[in-house]
PDB file of all heavy atoms in Angstrom:
ATOM      1  N   ALA A   1       0.090   5.317 -18.290  1.00  0.00           N
ATOM      2  CA  ALA A   1       0.402   5.463 -16.838  1.00  0.00           C
ATOM      3  C   ALA A   1      -0.686   4.870 -16.015  1.00  0.00           C
ATOM      4  O   ALA A   1      -0.500   4.521 -14.855  1.00  0.00           O
ATOM      5  CB  ALA A   1       0.438   7.160 -16.689  1.00  0.00           C
ATOM      6  N   ALA A   2      -2.041   4.827 -16.522  1.00  0.00           N
ATOM      7  CA  ALA A   2      -3.035   4.316 -15.669  1.00  0.00           C
ATOM      8  C   ALA A   2      -3.040   2.837 -15.534  1.00  0.00           C
ATOM      9  O   ALA A   2      -3.739   2.222 -14.794  1.00  0.00           O
ATOM     10  CB  ALA A   2      -4.426   4.770 -16.198  1.00  0.00           C
ATOM     11  N   LEU A   3      -2.258   2.221 -16.330  1.00  0.00           N
ATOM     12  CA  LEU A   3      -2.110   0.686 -16.372  1.00  0.00           C
ATOM     13  C   LEU A   3      -1.063   0.180 -15.487  1.00  0.00           C
ATOM     14  O   LEU A   3       0.158   0.398 -15.770  1.00  0.00           O
ATOM     15  CB  LEU A   3      -2.041   0.258 -17.800  1.00  0.00           C
ATOM     16  CG  LEU A   3      -2.259  -1.189 -18.073  1.00  0.00           C
ATOM     17  CD1 LEU A   3      -3.664  -1.589 -17.845  1.00  0.00           C
ATOM     18  CD2 LEU A   3      -1.864  -1.585 -19.517  1.00  0.00           C
ATOM     19  N   ALA A   4      -1.385  -0.373 -14.288  1.00  0.00           N
ATOM     20  CA  ALA A   4      -0.439  -0.760 -13.390  1.00  0.00           C
ATOM     21  C   ALA A   4       0.205  -2.159 -13.766  1.00  0.00           C
ATOM     22  O   ALA A   4       1.252  -2.470 -13.327  1.00  0.00           O
ATOM     23  CB  ALA A   4      -1.117  -0.872 -11.957  1.00  0.00           C
ATOM     24  N   GLU A   5      -0.530  -2.998 -14.526  1.00  0.00           N
ATOM     25  CA  GLU A   5       0.048  -4.277 -14.815  1.00  0.00           C
ATOM     26  C   GLU A   5       1.259  -4.245 -15.774  1.00  0.00           C
ATOM     27  O   GLU A   5       1.324  -3.327 -16.587  1.00  0.00           O
ATOM     28  CB  GLU A   5      -1.141  -5.176 -15.442  1.00  0.00           C
ATOM     29  CG  GLU A   5      -2.035  -5.720 -14.465  1.00  0.00           C
ATOM     30  CD  GLU A   5      -3.002  -4.646 -13.902  1.00  0.00           C
ATOM     31  OE1 GLU A   5      -2.996  -3.501 -14.465  1.00  0.00           O
ATOM     32  OE2 GLU A   5      -3.614  -4.948 -12.854  1.00  0.00           O
ATOM     33  N   PRO A   6       2.170  -5.139 -15.549  1.00  0.00           N
ATOM     34  CA  PRO A   6       3.237  -5.138 -16.561  1.00  0.00           C
ATOM     35  C   PRO A   6       2.883  -5.529 -17.956  1.00  0.00           C
ATOM     36  O   PRO A   6       1.863  -6.132 -18.162  1.00  0.00           O
ATOM     37  CB  PRO A   6       4.215  -6.208 -15.876  1.00  0.00           C
ATOM     38  CG  PRO A   6       3.257  -7.104 -15.120  1.00  0.00           C
ATOM     39  CD  PRO A   6       2.218  -6.268 -14.667  1.00  0.00           C
ATOM     40  N   GLN A   7       3.792  -5.248 -18.887  1.00  0.00           N
ATOM     41  CA  GLN A   7       3.531  -5.433 -20.309  1.00  0.00           C
ATOM     42  C   GLN A   7       4.214  -6.813 -20.633  1.00  0.00           C
ATOM     43  O   GLN A   7       5.367  -7.029 -20.131  1.00  0.00           O
ATOM     44  CB  GLN A   7       3.999  -4.412 -21.072  1.00  0.00           C
ATOM     45  CG  GLN A   7       3.556  -3.029 -20.739  1.00  0.00           C
ATOM     46  CD  GLN A   7       2.122  -2.773 -20.933  1.00  0.00           C
ATOM     47  OE1 GLN A   7       1.410  -3.393 -21.731  1.00  0.00           O
ATOM     48  NE2 GLN A   7       1.463  -1.939 -20.117  1.00  0.00           N
ATOM     49  N   PRO A   8       3.692  -7.631 -21.420  1.00  0.00           N
ATOM     50  CA  PRO A   8       2.329  -7.654 -21.958  1.00  0.00           C
ATOM     51  C   PRO A   8       1.282  -8.099 -20.923  1.00  0.00           C
ATOM     52  O   PRO A   8       1.679  -8.684 -19.908  1.00  0.00           O
ATOM     53  CB  PRO A   8       2.354  -8.625 -23.211  1.00  0.00           C
ATOM     54  CG  PRO A   8       3.393  -9.644 -22.678  1.00  0.00           C
ATOM     55  CD  PRO A   8       4.401  -8.842 -21.923  1.00  0.00           C
ATOM     56  N   LEU A   9       0.087  -7.799 -21.186  1.00  0.00           N
ATOM     57  CA  LEU A   9      -1.023  -8.126 -20.275  1.00  0.00           C
ATOM     58  C   LEU A   9      -1.686  -9.378 -20.788  1.00  0.00           C
ATOM     59  O   LEU A   9      -1.965  -9.625 -21.928  1.00  0.00           O
ATOM     60  CB  LEU A   9      -2.126  -6.997 -20.317  1.00  0.00           C
ATOM     61  CG  LEU A   9      -3.328  -7.221 -19.353  1.00  0.00           C
ATOM     62  CD1 LEU A   9      -2.993  -7.324 -18.017  1.00  0.00           C
ATOM     63  CD2 LEU A   9      -4.366  -6.112 -19.624  1.00  0.00           C
ATOM     64  N   THR A  10      -1.955 -10.345 -19.846  1.00  0.00           N
ATOM     65  CA  THR A  10      -2.604 -11.550 -20.176  1.00  0.00           C
ATOM     66  C   THR A  10      -3.927 -11.735 -19.409  1.00  0.00           C
ATOM     67  O   THR A  10      -3.878 -11.366 -18.233  1.00  0.00           O
ATOM     68  CB  THR A  10      -1.680 -12.813 -19.818  1.00  0.00           C
ATOM     69  OG1 THR A  10      -0.501 -12.631 -20.682  1.00  0.00           O
ATOM     70  CG2 THR A  10      -2.415 -14.090 -20.230  1.00  0.00           C
ATOM     71  N   ALA A  11      -5.016 -12.144 -20.096  1.00  0.00           N
ATOM     72  CA  ALA A  11      -6.299 -12.238 -19.450  1.00  0.00           C
ATOM     73  C   ALA A  11      -7.041 -13.440 -19.947  1.00  0.00           C
ATOM     74  O   ALA A  11      -6.866 -13.922 -21.104  1.00  0.00           O
ATOM     75  CB  ALA A  11      -7.120 -10.934 -19.706  1.00  0.00           C
ATOM     76  N   PRO A  12      -7.878 -14.073 -19.141  1.00  0.00           N
ATOM     77  CA  PRO A  12      -8.721 -15.186 -19.574  1.00  0.00           C
ATOM     78  C   PRO A  12      -9.724 -14.697 -20.632  1.00  0.00           C
ATOM     79  O   PRO A  12     -10.140 -13.460 -20.532  1.00  0.00           O
ATOM     80  CB  PRO A  12      -9.361 -15.696 -18.345  1.00  0.00           C
ATOM     81  CG  PRO A  12      -9.302 -14.517 -17.449  1.00  0.00           C
ATOM     82  CD  PRO A  12      -8.139 -13.808 -17.697  1.00  0.00           C
ATOM     83  N   ALA A  13     -10.028 -15.475 -21.664  1.00  0.00           N
ATOM     84  CA  ALA A  13     -11.042 -15.111 -22.552  1.00  0.00           C
ATOM     85  C   ALA A  13     -12.221 -15.863 -22.498  1.00  0.00           C
ATOM     86  O   ALA A  13     -12.264 -17.112 -22.682  1.00  0.00           O
ATOM     87  CB  ALA A  13     -10.478 -15.191 -24.038  1.00  0.00           C
ATOM     88  N   ALA A  14     -13.442 -15.256 -22.103  1.00  0.00           N
ATOM     89  CA  ALA A  14     -14.710 -16.065 -21.941  1.00  0.00           C
ATOM     90  C   ALA A  14     -15.206 -16.420 -23.360  1.00  0.00           C
ATOM     91  O   ALA A  14     -15.080 -15.616 -24.360  1.00  0.00           O
ATOM     92  CB  ALA A  14     -15.711 -15.150 -21.234  1.00  0.00           C
ATOM     93  N   ASP A  15     -15.851 -17.604 -23.434  1.00  0.00           N
ATOM     94  CA  ASP A  15     -16.340 -17.995 -24.739  1.00  0.00           C
ATOM     95  C   ASP A  15     -17.823 -18.665 -24.415  1.00  0.00           C
ATOM     96  O   ASP A  15     -18.083 -19.807 -24.456  1.00  0.00           O
ATOM     97  CB  ASP A  15     -15.459 -19.193 -25.314  1.00  0.00           C
ATOM     98  CG  ASP A  15     -15.933 -19.596 -26.649  1.00  0.00           C
ATOM     99  OD1 ASP A  15     -16.880 -18.970 -27.278  1.00  0.00           O
ATOM    100  OD2 ASP A  15     -15.347 -20.559 -27.231  1.00  0.00           O
ATOM    101  N   PRO A  16     -18.668 -17.680 -24.046  1.00  0.00           N
ATOM    102  CA  PRO A  16     -20.048 -18.129 -23.611  1.00  0.00           C
ATOM    103  C   PRO A  16     -20.918 -18.819 -24.721  1.00  0.00           C
ATOM    104  O   PRO A  16     -21.800 -19.581 -24.393  1.00  0.00           O
ATOM    105  CB  PRO A  16     -20.797 -16.801 -23.227  1.00  0.00           C
ATOM    106  CG  PRO A  16     -20.016 -15.720 -24.038  1.00  0.00           C
ATOM    107  CD  PRO A  16     -18.637 -16.178 -24.089  1.00  0.00           C
ATOM    108  N   TYR A  17     -20.605 -18.590 -26.076  1.00  0.00           N
ATOM    109  CA  TYR A  17     -21.293 -19.174 -27.067  1.00  0.00           C
ATOM    110  C   TYR A  17     -20.612 -20.414 -27.654  1.00  0.00           C
ATOM    111  O   TYR A  17     -21.151 -20.974 -28.671  1.00  0.00           O
ATOM    112  CB  TYR A  17     -21.640 -18.220 -28.103  1.00  0.00           C
ATOM    113  CG  TYR A  17     -22.272 -17.004 -27.631  1.00  0.00           C
ATOM    114  CD1 TYR A  17     -21.609 -15.721 -27.585  1.00  0.00           C
ATOM    115  CD2 TYR A  17     -23.597 -16.984 -27.224  1.00  0.00           C
ATOM    116  CE1 TYR A  17     -22.164 -14.569 -27.139  1.00  0.00           C
ATOM    117  CE2 TYR A  17     -24.216 -15.854 -26.688  1.00  0.00           C
ATOM    118  CZ  TYR A  17     -23.485 -14.622 -26.598  1.00  0.00           C
ATOM    119  OH  TYR A  17     -24.027 -13.470 -26.150  1.00  0.00           O
ATOM    120  N   GLY A  18     -19.600 -20.853 -27.121  1.00  0.00           N
ATOM    121  CA  GLY A  18     -18.850 -22.000 -27.628  1.00  0.00           C
ATOM    122  C   GLY A  18     -18.264 -21.800 -28.966  1.00  0.00           C
ATOM    123  O   GLY A  18     -18.388 -22.798 -29.782  1.00  0.00           O
ATOM    124  N   VAL A  19     -17.779 -20.698 -29.301  1.00  0.00           N
ATOM    125  CA  VAL A  19     -17.244 -20.396 -30.601  1.00  0.00           C
ATOM    126  C   VAL A  19     -16.077 -21.320 -30.979  1.00  0.00           C
ATOM    127  O   VAL A  19     -15.942 -21.904 -32.026  1.00  0.00           O
ATOM    128  CB  VAL A  19     -16.874 -18.958 -30.786  1.00  0.00           C
ATOM    129  CG1 VAL A  19     -16.073 -18.720 -32.077  1.00  0.00           C
ATOM    130  CG2 VAL A  19     -18.165 -18.063 -30.703  1.00  0.00           C
ATOM    131  N   LEU A  20     -15.137 -21.436 -29.943  1.00  0.00           N
ATOM    132  CA  LEU A  20     -13.899 -22.215 -30.321  1.00  0.00           C
ATOM    133  C   LEU A  20     -14.294 -23.681 -30.416  1.00  0.00           C
ATOM    134  O   LEU A  20     -13.770 -24.341 -31.360  1.00  0.00           O
ATOM    135  CB  LEU A  20     -12.866 -21.931 -29.216  1.00  0.00           C
ATOM    136  CG  LEU A  20     -12.372 -20.490 -29.209  1.00  0.00           C
ATOM    137  CD1 LEU A  20     -11.211 -20.387 -28.091  1.00  0.00           C
ATOM    138  CD2 LEU A  20     -11.842 -20.045 -30.562  1.00  0.00           C
ATOM    139  N   PRO A  21     -14.976 -24.341 -29.494  1.00  0.00           N
ATOM    140  CA  PRO A  21     -15.340 -25.746 -29.587  1.00  0.00           C
ATOM    141  C   PRO A  21     -16.124 -26.044 -30.940  1.00  0.00           C
ATOM    142  O   PRO A  21     -15.871 -27.016 -31.568  1.00  0.00           O
ATOM    143  CB  PRO A  21     -16.252 -26.053 -28.437  1.00  0.00           C
ATOM    144  CG  PRO A  21     -15.741 -25.037 -27.410  1.00  0.00           C
ATOM    145  CD  PRO A  21     -15.461 -23.886 -28.107  1.00  0.00           C
ATOM    146  N   ARG A  22     -17.048 -25.097 -31.296  1.00  0.00           N
ATOM    147  CA  ARG A  22     -17.835 -25.374 -32.462  1.00  0.00           C
ATOM    148  C   ARG A  22     -16.927 -25.396 -33.776  1.00  0.00           C
ATOM    149  O   ARG A  22     -16.958 -26.109 -34.616  1.00  0.00           O
ATOM    150  CB  ARG A  22     -18.926 -24.322 -32.645  1.00  0.00           C
ATOM    151  CG  ARG A  22     -19.649 -24.324 -33.991  1.00  0.00           C
ATOM    152  CD  ARG A  22     -20.887 -23.430 -33.960  1.00  0.00           C
ATOM    153  NE  ARG A  22     -20.487 -22.096 -33.597  1.00  0.00           N
ATOM    154  CZ  ARG A  22     -19.890 -21.204 -34.394  1.00  0.00           C
ATOM    155  NH1 ARG A  22     -19.536 -21.577 -35.591  1.00  0.00           N
ATOM    156  NH2 ARG A  22     -19.660 -19.955 -33.938  1.00  0.00           N
ATOM    157  N   ASN A  23     -16.021 -24.361 -33.771  1.00  0.00           N
ATOM    158  CA  ASN A  23     -15.134 -24.219 -35.014  1.00  0.00           C
ATOM    159  C   ASN A  23     -14.178 -25.400 -35.013  1.00  0.00           C
ATOM    160  O   ASN A  23     -13.846 -25.924 -36.188  1.00  0.00           O
ATOM    161  CB  ASN A  23     -14.397 -22.904 -34.964  1.00  0.00           C
ATOM    162  CG  ASN A  23     -15.273 -21.789 -35.543  1.00  0.00           C
ATOM    163  OD1 ASN A  23     -15.249 -21.535 -36.750  1.00  0.00           O
ATOM    164  ND2 ASN A  23     -15.917 -21.092 -34.617  1.00  0.00           N
ATOM    165  N   ASN A  24     -13.681 -25.744 -33.900  1.00  0.00           N
ATOM    166  CA  ASN A  24     -12.783 -26.933 -33.772  1.00  0.00           C
ATOM    167  C   ASN A  24     -13.450 -28.130 -34.349  1.00  0.00           C
ATOM    168  O   ASN A  24     -12.941 -28.899 -35.128  1.00  0.00           O
ATOM    169  CB  ASN A  24     -12.216 -27.157 -32.341  1.00  0.00           C
ATOM    170  CG  ASN A  24     -11.522 -28.414 -32.234  1.00  0.00           C
ATOM    171  OD1 ASN A  24     -12.048 -29.539 -32.097  1.00  0.00           O
ATOM    172  ND2 ASN A  24     -10.220 -28.409 -32.235  1.00  0.00           N
ATOM    173  N   ALA A  25     -14.607 -28.402 -33.951  1.00  0.00           N
ATOM    174  CA  ALA A  25     -15.384 -29.603 -34.335  1.00  0.00           C
ATOM    175  C   ALA A  25     -15.712 -29.608 -35.826  1.00  0.00           C
ATOM    176  O   ALA A  25     -15.340 -30.568 -36.497  1.00  0.00           O
ATOM    177  CB  ALA A  25     -16.708 -29.697 -33.556  1.00  0.00           C
ATOM    178  N   GLU A  26     -15.996 -28.380 -36.368  1.00  0.00           N
ATOM    179  CA  GLU A  26     -16.353 -28.306 -37.753  1.00  0.00           C
ATOM    180  C   GLU A  26     -15.134 -28.437 -38.612  1.00  0.00           C
ATOM    181  O   GLU A  26     -15.047 -29.158 -39.602  1.00  0.00           O
ATOM    182  CB  GLU A  26     -17.018 -27.055 -38.097  1.00  0.00           C
ATOM    183  CG  GLU A  26     -18.450 -26.983 -37.488  1.00  0.00           C
ATOM    184  CD  GLU A  26     -19.188 -25.706 -37.760  1.00  0.00           C
ATOM    185  OE1 GLU A  26     -18.481 -24.827 -38.388  1.00  0.00           O
ATOM    186  OE2 GLU A  26     -20.344 -25.492 -37.387  1.00  0.00           O
ATOM    187  N   MET A  27     -13.928 -27.894 -38.178  1.00  0.00           N
ATOM    188  CA  MET A  27     -12.744 -27.940 -38.955  1.00  0.00           C
ATOM    189  C   MET A  27     -12.119 -29.391 -38.853  1.00  0.00           C
ATOM    190  O   MET A  27     -11.570 -29.802 -39.872  1.00  0.00           O
ATOM    191  CB  MET A  27     -11.775 -26.861 -38.431  1.00  0.00           C
ATOM    192  CG  MET A  27     -12.154 -25.465 -38.653  1.00  0.00           C
ATOM    193  SD  MET A  27     -11.215 -24.213 -37.865  1.00  0.00           S
ATOM    194  CE  MET A  27      -9.765 -24.197 -38.919  1.00  0.00           C
TER     195      MET A  27
END
């Protein structure tokens, strides 16, 4: 009830340590 946003909820995901670019480069 406390969640006003419709389902499903979408949000940006912060990547301050560059986890995704590092893994992409290594893979």
